[in-house]
């Protein structure tokens, strides 16, 4: 995913022949598993929270959210069901939110999800 706040950017995705031109508030999303590239308008400032330590996910696949949380919090998620495989999340986490707070928010957003924290491992069921 690339989101442009200022300037102009030309993007070429892997070996695809198309070139994409981004201007301010353009976002390009590439999904490697499907090869699909999407370009659309967004409020770019909402996506730059990472510079201030916050996290914003705009309709992001659940597994991608988990991978990002693994990097940010230094944990490993173990998903014990495939029920959430097609789930996407649109959520903003503030810079100072603890992992427990993030998991509580996810629990509200994803009906039926349960989690258990064992050291640096988080088990989802």
N, C-alpha and C. Protein backbone atom coordinates (compact mmCIF):
# COMPACT_ATOMS: atom_id res chain seq x y z
N UNK A 1 0.85 -1.17 0.00
CA UNK A 1 0.00 0.00 0.00
C UNK A 1 0.90 1.23 0.00
N UNK A 2 0.56 2.19 -0.82
CA UNK A 2 1.26 3.47 -0.87
C UNK A 2 0.21 4.58 -0.87
N UNK A 3 0.42 5.58 -0.04
CA UNK A 3 -0.48 6.71 0.04
C UNK A 3 0.37 7.97 -0.05
N UNK A 4 0.00 8.85 -0.96
CA UNK A 4 0.81 10.04 -1.21
C UNK A 4 0.17 11.28 -0.59
N UNK A 5 0.95 11.99 0.23
CA UNK A 5 0.49 13.23 0.85
C UNK A 5 0.81 14.44 -0.02
N UNK A 6 2.06 14.49 -0.53
CA UNK A 6 2.47 15.63 -1.34
C UNK A 6 3.28 15.15 -2.54
N UNK A 7 3.37 16.00 -3.54
CA UNK A 7 4.20 15.71 -4.71
C UNK A 7 3.47 14.87 -5.74
N UNK A 8 4.25 14.15 -6.52
CA UNK A 8 3.73 13.28 -7.57
C UNK A 8 4.65 12.06 -7.62
N UNK A 9 4.07 10.88 -7.82
CA UNK A 9 4.84 9.66 -7.77
C UNK A 9 4.38 8.70 -8.85
N UNK A 10 5.34 8.10 -9.53
CA UNK A 10 5.04 7.05 -10.51
C UNK A 10 5.40 5.71 -9.87
N UNK A 11 4.48 4.75 -9.95
CA UNK A 11 4.68 3.44 -9.32
C UNK A 11 4.50 2.35 -10.36
N UNK A 12 5.43 1.40 -10.33
CA UNK A 12 5.32 0.20 -11.17
C UNK A 12 5.28 -0.97 -10.20
N UNK A 13 4.27 -1.81 -10.33
CA UNK A 13 4.06 -2.91 -9.41
C UNK A 13 4.63 -4.19 -9.99
N UNK A 14 5.64 -4.73 -9.30
CA UNK A 14 6.31 -5.97 -9.72
C UNK A 14 6.54 -5.98 -11.23
N UNK A 15 6.11 -7.03 -11.89
CA UNK A 15 6.36 -7.17 -13.33
C UNK A 15 5.15 -6.81 -14.17
N UNK A 16 4.19 -6.13 -13.58
CA UNK A 16 3.00 -5.71 -14.33
C UNK A 16 3.38 -4.58 -15.27
N UNK A 17 2.80 -4.57 -16.48
CA UNK A 17 3.18 -3.57 -17.48
C UNK A 17 2.67 -2.15 -17.17
N UNK A 18 1.59 -2.04 -16.39
CA UNK A 18 1.00 -0.73 -16.13
C UNK A 18 1.86 0.11 -15.19
N UNK A 19 1.80 1.42 -15.41
CA UNK A 19 2.41 2.38 -14.50
C UNK A 19 1.29 3.15 -13.85
N UNK A 20 1.42 3.43 -12.58
CA UNK A 20 0.40 4.16 -11.85
C UNK A 20 0.99 5.50 -11.42
N UNK A 21 0.22 6.56 -11.59
CA UNK A 21 0.66 7.90 -11.23
C UNK A 21 -0.17 8.37 -10.04
N UNK A 22 0.53 8.66 -8.95
CA UNK A 22 -0.14 9.11 -7.74
C UNK A 22 0.08 10.59 -7.55
N UNK A 23 -0.99 11.26 -7.14
CA UNK A 23 -0.95 12.67 -6.76
C UNK A 23 -1.43 12.74 -5.32
N UNK A 24 -1.33 13.92 -4.69
CA UNK A 24 -1.75 14.01 -3.29
C UNK A 24 -3.14 13.42 -3.06
N UNK A 25 -3.24 12.65 -1.98
CA UNK A 25 -4.46 11.96 -1.55
C UNK A 25 -4.83 10.75 -2.42
N UNK A 26 -3.90 10.28 -3.24
CA UNK A 26 -4.09 9.04 -3.97
C UNK A 26 -3.50 7.90 -3.16
N UNK A 27 -4.16 6.76 -3.22
CA UNK A 27 -3.66 5.57 -2.55
C UNK A 27 -3.65 4.41 -3.54
N UNK A 28 -2.57 3.65 -3.51
CA UNK A 28 -2.43 2.48 -4.36
C UNK A 28 -2.31 1.27 -3.45
N UNK A 29 -3.15 0.27 -3.68
CA UNK A 29 -3.13 -0.96 -2.87
C UNK A 29 -2.88 -2.13 -3.80
N UNK A 30 -1.83 -2.88 -3.50
CA UNK A 30 -1.48 -4.07 -4.27
C UNK A 30 -1.64 -5.28 -3.36
N UNK A 31 -2.41 -6.27 -3.82
CA UNK A 31 -2.61 -7.50 -3.07
C UNK A 31 -1.83 -8.61 -3.77
N UNK A 32 -0.68 -9.00 -3.23
CA UNK A 32 0.17 -9.99 -3.89
C UNK A 32 -0.51 -11.32 -4.17
N UNK A 33 -1.38 -11.77 -3.27
CA UNK A 33 -2.01 -13.07 -3.45
C UNK A 33 -2.94 -13.12 -4.65
N UNK A 34 -3.50 -11.97 -5.05
CA UNK A 34 -4.42 -11.95 -6.19
C UNK A 34 -3.85 -11.20 -7.38
N UNK A 35 -2.82 -10.40 -7.16
CA UNK A 35 -2.26 -9.59 -8.24
C UNK A 35 -3.09 -8.36 -8.55
N UNK A 36 -4.10 -8.08 -7.74
CA UNK A 36 -5.00 -6.95 -7.98
C UNK A 36 -4.37 -5.66 -7.47
N UNK A 37 -4.45 -4.61 -8.29
CA UNK A 37 -3.98 -3.28 -7.92
C UNK A 37 -5.19 -2.35 -7.93
N UNK A 38 -5.37 -1.61 -6.86
CA UNK A 38 -6.48 -0.65 -6.77
C UNK A 38 -5.91 0.72 -6.48
N UNK A 39 -6.46 1.72 -7.15
CA UNK A 39 -6.05 3.10 -6.91
C UNK A 39 -7.30 3.92 -6.63
N UNK A 40 -7.28 4.69 -5.53
CA UNK A 40 -8.42 5.52 -5.21
C UNK A 40 -8.00 6.72 -4.35
N UNK A 41 -8.93 7.65 -4.18
CA UNK A 41 -8.69 8.87 -3.40
C UNK A 41 -8.98 8.59 -1.92
N UNK A 42 -8.13 9.14 -1.06
CA UNK A 42 -8.29 9.04 0.39
C UNK A 42 -7.86 10.36 1.02
N UNK A 43 -8.04 10.47 2.30
CA UNK A 43 -7.48 11.59 3.06
C UNK A 43 -6.11 11.12 3.54
N UNK A 44 -5.06 11.50 2.83
CA UNK A 44 -3.72 10.97 3.07
C UNK A 44 -3.23 11.18 4.50
N UNK A 45 -3.63 12.25 5.12
CA UNK A 45 -3.18 12.53 6.49
C UNK A 45 -3.62 11.41 7.44
N UNK A 46 -4.76 10.81 7.17
CA UNK A 46 -5.25 9.72 8.01
C UNK A 46 -4.34 8.50 7.95
N UNK A 47 -3.58 8.37 6.87
CA UNK A 47 -2.72 7.22 6.69
C UNK A 47 -1.28 7.48 7.12
N UNK A 48 -0.99 8.68 7.57
CA UNK A 48 0.39 8.98 7.96
C UNK A 48 0.57 8.91 9.48
N UNK A 49 -0.40 8.34 10.17
CA UNK A 49 -0.31 8.21 11.63
C UNK A 49 0.92 7.45 12.08
N UNK A 50 1.42 6.55 11.24
CA UNK A 50 2.59 5.75 11.62
C UNK A 50 3.78 6.63 11.96
N UNK A 51 3.85 7.83 11.34
CA UNK A 51 4.97 8.73 11.65
C UNK A 51 4.89 9.25 13.07
N UNK A 52 3.69 9.31 13.61
CA UNK A 52 3.48 9.77 14.98
C UNK A 52 3.26 8.59 15.92
N UNK A 53 3.40 7.38 15.41
CA UNK A 53 3.25 6.20 16.25
C UNK A 53 1.87 5.59 16.24
N UNK A 54 0.90 6.19 15.55
CA UNK A 54 -0.44 5.63 15.47
C UNK A 54 -0.55 4.66 14.31
N UNK A 55 -1.64 3.91 14.27
CA UNK A 55 -1.87 2.96 13.19
C UNK A 55 -3.26 3.17 12.62
N UNK A 56 -3.36 3.20 11.29
CA UNK A 56 -4.65 3.31 10.64
C UNK A 56 -4.77 2.20 9.62
N UNK A 57 -5.86 1.46 9.69
CA UNK A 57 -6.14 0.41 8.73
C UNK A 57 -7.45 0.76 8.05
N UNK A 58 -7.42 0.97 6.76
CA UNK A 58 -8.62 1.31 6.01
C UNK A 58 -9.08 0.14 5.17
N UNK A 59 -10.01 -0.64 5.69
CA UNK A 59 -10.53 -1.82 5.00
C UNK A 59 -9.41 -2.77 4.60
N UNK A 60 -8.58 -3.11 5.58
CA UNK A 60 -7.40 -3.94 5.37
C UNK A 60 -7.73 -5.38 5.77
N UNK A 61 -7.28 -6.38 4.99
CA UNK A 61 -7.52 -7.77 5.37
C UNK A 61 -7.02 -8.06 6.78
N UNK A 62 -7.79 -8.84 7.50
CA UNK A 62 -7.52 -9.16 8.90
C UNK A 62 -6.09 -9.69 9.10
N UNK A 63 -5.65 -10.58 8.23
CA UNK A 63 -4.30 -11.14 8.37
C UNK A 63 -3.22 -10.07 8.22
N UNK A 64 -3.44 -9.08 7.35
CA UNK A 64 -2.48 -7.99 7.20
C UNK A 64 -2.41 -7.13 8.47
N UNK A 65 -3.57 -6.92 9.09
CA UNK A 65 -3.60 -6.17 10.35
C UNK A 65 -2.78 -6.92 11.41
N UNK A 66 -2.98 -8.24 11.48
CA UNK A 66 -2.25 -9.05 12.46
C UNK A 66 -0.75 -8.99 12.22
N UNK A 67 -0.32 -9.05 10.96
CA UNK A 67 1.12 -8.99 10.66
C UNK A 67 1.71 -7.65 11.11
N UNK A 68 0.98 -6.57 10.88
CA UNK A 68 1.45 -5.26 11.31
C UNK A 68 1.54 -5.20 12.84
N UNK A 69 0.51 -5.70 13.52
CA UNK A 69 0.52 -5.69 14.98
C UNK A 69 1.66 -6.55 15.53
N UNK A 70 1.98 -7.64 14.86
CA UNK A 70 3.12 -8.47 15.28
C UNK A 70 4.41 -7.65 15.27
N UNK A 71 4.62 -6.88 14.20
CA UNK A 71 5.84 -6.06 14.09
C UNK A 71 5.86 -4.96 15.14
N UNK A 72 4.73 -4.28 15.30
CA UNK A 72 4.67 -3.13 16.20
C UNK A 72 4.82 -3.54 17.67
N UNK A 73 4.15 -4.63 18.05
CA UNK A 73 4.14 -5.02 19.46
C UNK A 73 5.10 -6.16 19.80
N UNK A 74 5.79 -6.71 18.80
CA UNK A 74 6.76 -7.77 19.05
C UNK A 74 6.13 -9.06 19.55
N UNK A 75 4.97 -9.40 18.99
CA UNK A 75 4.25 -10.62 19.38
C UNK A 75 4.04 -11.51 18.16
N UNK A 76 3.50 -12.69 18.41
CA UNK A 76 3.18 -13.63 17.33
C UNK A 76 1.72 -14.07 17.50
N UNK A 77 0.92 -13.86 16.44
CA UNK A 77 -0.48 -14.30 16.46
C UNK A 77 -0.59 -15.71 15.92
N UNK A 78 -1.41 -16.50 16.57
CA UNK A 78 -1.71 -17.86 16.13
C UNK A 78 -3.23 -17.92 15.94
N UNK A 79 -3.65 -17.98 14.69
CA UNK A 79 -5.08 -18.00 14.39
C UNK A 79 -5.51 -19.46 14.29
N UNK A 80 -6.38 -19.86 15.18
CA UNK A 80 -6.78 -21.26 15.28
C UNK A 80 -8.08 -21.57 14.54
N UNK A 81 -8.50 -20.67 13.67
CA UNK A 81 -9.70 -20.88 12.88
C UNK A 81 -9.58 -20.10 11.58
N UNK A 82 -10.24 -20.56 10.55
CA UNK A 82 -10.21 -19.85 9.27
C UNK A 82 -11.42 -18.93 9.11
N UNK A 83 -12.25 -18.83 10.14
CA UNK A 83 -13.49 -18.05 10.06
C UNK A 83 -13.22 -16.56 9.78
N UNK A 84 -12.06 -16.07 10.18
CA UNK A 84 -11.76 -14.64 10.00
C UNK A 84 -10.94 -14.36 8.75
N UNK A 85 -10.70 -15.38 7.95
CA UNK A 85 -9.84 -15.26 6.77
C UNK A 85 -10.31 -14.18 5.80
N UNK A 86 -11.61 -14.02 5.61
CA UNK A 86 -12.14 -13.03 4.67
C UNK A 86 -12.55 -11.73 5.34
N UNK A 87 -12.25 -11.57 6.61
CA UNK A 87 -12.60 -10.38 7.38
C UNK A 87 -11.64 -9.24 7.04
N UNK A 88 -12.16 -8.03 6.91
CA UNK A 88 -11.33 -6.84 6.74
C UNK A 88 -11.67 -5.87 7.87
N UNK A 89 -10.70 -5.03 8.22
CA UNK A 89 -10.91 -4.07 9.30
C UNK A 89 -10.65 -2.65 8.82
N UNK A 90 -11.45 -1.75 9.33
CA UNK A 90 -11.21 -0.31 9.17
C UNK A 90 -11.17 0.24 10.59
N UNK A 91 -9.96 0.57 11.03
CA UNK A 91 -9.80 0.98 12.42
C UNK A 91 -8.57 1.86 12.56
N UNK A 92 -8.60 2.72 13.56
CA UNK A 92 -7.48 3.60 13.89
C UNK A 92 -7.09 3.33 15.34
N UNK A 93 -5.81 3.04 15.55
CA UNK A 93 -5.28 2.86 16.90
C UNK A 93 -4.36 4.04 17.20
N UNK A 94 -4.54 4.63 18.36
CA UNK A 94 -3.70 5.75 18.77
C UNK A 94 -2.31 5.26 19.18
N UNK A 95 -1.39 6.17 19.19
CA UNK A 95 0.01 5.87 19.47
C UNK A 95 0.23 5.18 20.81
N UNK A 96 -0.49 5.57 21.82
CA UNK A 96 -0.22 5.06 23.17
C UNK A 96 -1.09 3.89 23.59
N UNK A 97 -1.85 3.31 22.66
CA UNK A 97 -2.72 2.20 23.03
C UNK A 97 -1.89 0.94 23.28
N UNK A 98 -2.20 0.27 24.36
CA UNK A 98 -1.50 -0.97 24.69
C UNK A 98 -2.03 -2.10 23.80
N UNK A 99 -1.31 -3.19 23.77
CA UNK A 99 -1.74 -4.35 23.01
C UNK A 99 -3.10 -4.84 23.53
N UNK A 100 -3.27 -4.83 24.83
CA UNK A 100 -4.55 -5.26 25.42
C UNK A 100 -5.70 -4.37 24.94
N UNK A 101 -5.46 -3.06 24.87
CA UNK A 101 -6.50 -2.15 24.37
C UNK A 101 -6.81 -2.43 22.90
N UNK A 102 -5.78 -2.66 22.11
CA UNK A 102 -5.95 -2.97 20.69
C UNK A 102 -6.77 -4.25 20.53
N UNK A 103 -6.45 -5.27 21.33
CA UNK A 103 -7.19 -6.53 21.24
C UNK A 103 -8.65 -6.37 21.67
N UNK A 104 -8.90 -5.52 22.65
CA UNK A 104 -10.28 -5.26 23.07
C UNK A 104 -11.07 -4.58 21.96
N UNK A 105 -10.44 -3.67 21.23
CA UNK A 105 -11.10 -3.00 20.11
C UNK A 105 -11.38 -4.01 19.00
N UNK A 106 -10.41 -4.86 18.70
CA UNK A 106 -10.62 -5.89 17.68
C UNK A 106 -11.76 -6.81 18.09
N UNK A 107 -11.84 -7.13 19.36
CA UNK A 107 -12.91 -8.00 19.86
C UNK A 107 -14.29 -7.35 19.63
N UNK A 108 -14.37 -6.06 19.74
CA UNK A 108 -15.62 -5.35 19.47
C UNK A 108 -15.93 -5.37 17.97
N UNK A 109 -14.91 -5.18 17.15
CA UNK A 109 -15.10 -5.10 15.70
C UNK A 109 -15.35 -6.44 15.02
N UNK A 110 -14.82 -7.50 15.59
CA UNK A 110 -14.93 -8.83 14.98
C UNK A 110 -15.79 -9.70 15.89
N UNK A 111 -17.08 -9.84 15.56
CA UNK A 111 -17.99 -10.59 16.42
C UNK A 111 -17.51 -12.03 16.65
N UNK A 112 -17.53 -12.43 17.91
CA UNK A 112 -17.23 -13.80 18.26
C UNK A 112 -15.76 -14.13 18.46
N UNK A 113 -14.88 -13.20 18.17
CA UNK A 113 -13.45 -13.50 18.32
C UNK A 113 -13.08 -13.54 19.79
N UNK A 114 -12.26 -14.48 20.12
CA UNK A 114 -11.73 -14.61 21.48
C UNK A 114 -10.22 -14.71 21.37
N UNK A 115 -9.52 -14.25 22.39
CA UNK A 115 -8.06 -14.32 22.37
C UNK A 115 -7.52 -14.72 23.73
N UNK A 116 -6.32 -15.27 23.68
CA UNK A 116 -5.59 -15.62 24.90
C UNK A 116 -4.15 -15.19 24.71
N UNK A 117 -3.60 -14.47 25.68
CA UNK A 117 -2.22 -14.01 25.61
C UNK A 117 -1.38 -14.92 26.49
N UNK A 118 -0.35 -15.53 25.90
CA UNK A 118 0.60 -16.37 26.63
C UNK A 118 1.99 -15.87 26.29
N UNK A 119 2.52 -15.02 27.16
CA UNK A 119 3.82 -14.41 26.90
C UNK A 119 3.74 -13.52 25.66
N UNK A 120 4.54 -13.83 24.66
CA UNK A 120 4.56 -13.07 23.40
C UNK A 120 3.70 -13.72 22.32
N UNK A 121 2.95 -14.75 22.68
CA UNK A 121 2.07 -15.45 21.75
C UNK A 121 0.62 -15.08 22.05
N UNK A 122 -0.13 -14.81 20.97
CA UNK A 122 -1.54 -14.50 21.12
C UNK A 122 -2.32 -15.49 20.27
N UNK A 123 -3.21 -16.21 20.94
CA UNK A 123 -4.00 -17.24 20.27
C UNK A 123 -5.41 -16.71 20.02
N UNK A 124 -5.82 -16.71 18.75
CA UNK A 124 -7.14 -16.26 18.37
C UNK A 124 -8.00 -17.46 18.03
N UNK A 125 -9.23 -17.46 18.52
CA UNK A 125 -10.17 -18.54 18.21
C UNK A 125 -11.57 -18.00 18.08
